[in-house]
């Protein structure tokens, strides 16, 4: 489907839905079920009007954009709450604020794992990106248990290095496929909600 037929198709659908609402509304005005149907039809019309990728080129562009966003959030969370505090010595026994730093690192690790899994799923929408990211799935899967180790303070050196290595590999894979990933530190709300 070409880009020029999409607006015409939307206009025809909107006109059809509007006509149905007008005819239905005048035939049964005051009826509660008609009002509910009108709301549902209006909702359908609103859904039709929202843009969605139609060509494979658009789908690939959306896949890359989503990949970059999710991988960037994972990278930002990893750097901000795992790598940076680790380098400052916050995870060492006896360090001031160690317990809080480890809890934040655990939450950030779970968030980063979640976003990396989403990024891999996004990458499947673009053949080149999918091929570049495919070898990293095993490494990403190994991160699954590391957030709990970070929270407990167990094996922090290995956990931090694993997260850092995987993030750098994902960035390299994205760059090789034309989807450069830049760190994007998530908000506290994003971090705690996991998305």
Protein backbone atom coordinates (compact mmCIF):
# COMPACT_ATOMS: atom_id res chain seq x y z
CA UNK A 1 0.00 0.00 0.00
CA UNK A 2 1.40 3.38 -0.94
CA UNK A 3 1.58 6.32 1.41
CA UNK A 4 -0.89 8.35 -0.69
CA UNK A 5 -3.72 5.80 -0.32
CA UNK A 6 -3.43 5.65 3.46
CA UNK A 7 -5.04 9.07 4.13
CA UNK A 8 -7.83 8.28 1.66
CA UNK A 9 -8.51 4.95 3.35
CA UNK A 10 -8.65 6.64 6.76
CA UNK A 11 -11.04 9.29 5.45
CA UNK A 12 -13.36 6.64 3.98
CA UNK A 13 -13.37 4.67 7.25
CA UNK A 14 -13.99 7.81 9.29
CA UNK A 15 -16.84 8.86 6.97
CA UNK A 16 -18.41 5.39 7.19
CA UNK A 17 -18.20 5.30 10.97
CA UNK A 18 -19.58 8.85 11.24
CA UNK A 19 -22.51 7.96 8.99
CA UNK A 20 -23.27 4.87 11.04
CA UNK A 21 -23.20 6.94 14.22
CA UNK A 22 -25.50 9.57 12.74
CA UNK A 23 -28.05 7.07 11.45
CA UNK A 24 -27.93 4.98 14.63
CA UNK A 25 -28.16 8.04 16.84
CA UNK A 26 -31.22 9.48 15.11
CA UNK A 27 -33.05 6.16 14.87
CA UNK A 28 -32.74 5.36 18.57
CA UNK A 29 -31.99 8.60 20.37
CA UNK A 30 -32.12 8.37 24.14
CA UNK A 31 -31.46 4.63 24.17
CA UNK A 32 -28.59 3.68 26.52
CA UNK A 33 -27.39 0.79 24.35
CA UNK A 34 -27.18 3.11 21.35
CA UNK A 35 -25.04 5.52 23.34
CA UNK A 36 -22.73 2.67 24.34
CA UNK A 37 -22.50 1.53 20.71
CA UNK A 38 -21.75 5.09 19.63
CA UNK A 39 -18.92 5.31 22.15
CA UNK A 40 -17.53 1.98 20.91
CA UNK A 41 -17.77 3.12 17.28
CA UNK A 42 -16.04 6.39 18.12
CA UNK A 43 -13.30 4.40 19.83
CA UNK A 44 -12.88 2.27 16.70
CA UNK A 45 -12.70 5.42 14.56
CA UNK A 46 -10.02 6.86 16.85
CA UNK A 47 -8.02 3.63 16.62
CA UNK A 48 -8.20 3.70 12.82
CA UNK A 49 -6.92 7.27 12.71
CA UNK A 50 -3.73 6.43 14.65
CA UNK A 51 -0.73 5.97 12.39
CA UNK A 52 0.83 2.56 12.17
CA UNK A 53 3.66 1.28 10.04
CA UNK A 54 2.35 -0.16 6.79
CA UNK A 55 5.39 -0.78 4.63
CA UNK A 56 8.25 -3.06 5.54
CA UNK A 57 10.60 -0.04 5.47
CA UNK A 58 8.41 1.75 8.05
CA UNK A 59 8.24 -1.39 10.21
CA UNK A 60 12.03 -1.69 10.12
CA UNK A 61 12.42 1.98 11.06
CA UNK A 62 10.06 1.53 14.03
CA UNK A 63 11.93 -1.63 15.04
CA UNK A 64 15.25 0.23 15.04
CA UNK A 65 13.78 3.18 16.93
CA UNK A 66 12.32 0.92 19.61
CA UNK A 67 15.55 -1.06 19.81
CA UNK A 68 17.58 2.13 20.30
CA UNK A 69 15.17 3.37 22.98
CA UNK A 70 15.09 0.14 24.98
CA UNK A 71 18.82 -0.56 24.68
CA UNK A 72 19.56 3.08 25.58
CA UNK A 73 17.46 2.83 28.75
CA UNK A 74 19.22 -0.42 29.69
CA UNK A 75 22.61 1.19 29.09
CA UNK A 76 21.69 4.32 31.07
CA UNK A 77 20.40 2.33 34.05
CA UNK A 78 23.45 0.08 34.01
CA UNK A 79 25.88 2.96 33.96
CA UNK A 80 24.04 5.18 36.45
CA UNK A 81 23.25 2.62 39.16
CA UNK A 82 25.64 -0.28 38.57
CA UNK A 83 28.91 0.72 36.86
CA UNK A 84 29.31 4.25 38.25
CA UNK A 85 28.72 3.35 41.95
CA UNK A 86 30.93 0.29 41.54
CA UNK A 87 33.79 2.40 40.21
CA UNK A 88 33.33 4.81 43.13
CA UNK A 89 33.70 1.90 45.57
CA UNK A 90 30.09 2.05 46.82
CA UNK A 91 29.72 -1.76 46.73
CA UNK A 92 32.74 -2.48 48.96
CA UNK A 93 32.10 -3.74 52.47
CA UNK A 94 32.09 -0.87 54.93
CA UNK A 95 31.42 1.78 52.25
CA UNK A 96 29.06 4.57 53.29
CA UNK A 97 25.63 3.97 51.71
CA UNK A 98 26.56 0.48 50.51
CA UNK A 99 23.22 -1.14 51.30
CA UNK A 100 21.21 1.49 49.41
CA UNK A 101 23.65 1.42 46.48
CA UNK A 102 23.27 -2.36 46.24
CA UNK A 103 19.48 -2.19 46.36
CA UNK A 104 19.47 0.43 43.60
CA UNK A 105 21.90 -1.69 41.58
CA UNK A 106 19.61 -4.70 41.94
CA UNK A 107 16.58 -2.72 40.76
CA UNK A 108 18.60 -1.22 37.90
CA UNK A 109 19.85 -4.67 36.94
CA UNK A 110 16.32 -6.06 36.74
CA UNK A 111 15.25 -3.02 34.71
CA UNK A 112 18.23 -3.34 32.35
CA UNK A 113 17.55 -7.05 31.83
CA UNK A 114 13.90 -6.29 31.04
CA UNK A 115 14.79 -3.53 28.55
CA UNK A 116 17.46 -5.69 26.88
CA UNK A 117 14.91 -8.47 26.37
CA UNK A 118 12.56 -5.90 24.83
CA UNK A 119 15.39 -4.59 22.62
CA UNK A 120 16.09 -8.11 21.32
CA UNK A 121 12.39 -8.50 20.52
CA UNK A 122 12.42 -5.11 18.74
CA UNK A 123 15.50 -6.11 16.74
CA UNK A 124 13.56 -8.97 15.15
CA UNK A 125 11.66 -6.38 13.09
CA UNK A 126 14.80 -5.46 11.14
CA UNK A 127 16.77 -8.21 9.36
CA UNK A 128 20.20 -6.58 9.69
CA UNK A 129 19.68 -5.64 13.34
CA UNK A 130 18.25 -9.06 14.15
CA UNK A 131 21.31 -10.73 12.67
CA UNK A 132 23.65 -8.43 14.63
CA UNK A 133 21.87 -8.94 17.96
CA UNK A 134 21.16 -12.69 17.68
CA UNK A 135 24.54 -13.82 19.08
CA UNK A 136 23.97 -11.70 22.20
CA UNK A 137 20.78 -13.39 23.41
CA UNK A 138 22.64 -15.99 25.49
CA UNK A 139 24.70 -13.27 27.21
CA UNK A 140 21.56 -11.25 27.92
CA UNK A 141 19.84 -14.32 29.35
CA UNK A 142 22.77 -14.84 31.75
CA UNK A 143 22.00 -11.44 33.31
CA UNK A 144 18.67 -12.71 34.63
CA UNK A 145 19.97 -13.85 38.04
CA UNK A 146 22.52 -11.08 38.56
CA UNK A 147 20.17 -8.39 39.98
CA UNK A 148 19.51 -10.53 43.08
CA UNK A 149 23.27 -11.06 43.50
CA UNK A 150 23.81 -7.32 43.29
CA UNK A 151 21.14 -6.64 45.93
CA UNK A 152 22.80 -9.15 48.27
CA UNK A 153 26.30 -7.88 47.54
CA UNK A 154 27.39 -11.31 46.28
CA UNK A 155 29.93 -11.40 43.48
CA UNK A 156 29.51 -7.75 42.59
CA UNK A 157 32.71 -7.66 40.51
CA UNK A 158 31.48 -10.38 38.17
CA UNK A 159 27.94 -9.00 38.02
CA UNK A 160 29.07 -5.48 37.19
CA UNK A 161 31.48 -6.73 34.53
CA UNK A 162 28.78 -8.95 32.98
CA UNK A 163 26.31 -6.07 32.71
CA UNK A 164 28.96 -3.74 31.33
CA UNK A 165 30.16 -6.30 28.76
CA UNK A 166 26.65 -7.11 27.53
CA UNK A 167 25.68 -3.44 27.26
CA UNK A 168 28.83 -2.70 25.25
CA UNK A 169 28.13 -5.69 22.97
CA UNK A 170 24.56 -4.52 22.38
CA UNK A 171 25.81 -1.02 21.58
CA UNK A 172 28.36 -2.43 19.12
CA UNK A 173 25.74 -4.65 17.47
CA UNK A 174 23.33 -1.72 17.13
CA UNK A 175 26.02 0.50 15.65
CA UNK A 176 26.99 -2.17 13.11
CA UNK A 177 23.34 -2.35 11.99
CA UNK A 178 22.85 1.42 11.75
CA UNK A 179 21.04 1.74 15.10
CA UNK A 180 23.45 3.61 17.35
CA UNK A 181 22.57 3.27 21.03
CA UNK A 182 23.24 6.12 23.45
CA UNK A 183 22.80 5.94 27.22
CA UNK A 184 19.47 7.26 28.42
CA UNK A 185 19.10 7.32 32.19
CA UNK A 186 15.56 6.24 33.07
CA UNK A 187 13.44 8.19 35.49
CA UNK A 188 12.84 6.72 38.94
CA UNK A 189 9.28 5.93 37.88
CA UNK A 190 10.48 4.05 34.78
CA UNK A 191 13.07 2.23 36.85
CA UNK A 192 10.64 1.07 39.51
CA UNK A 193 7.88 0.17 37.05
CA UNK A 194 10.29 -1.83 34.92
CA UNK A 195 9.45 -0.10 31.65
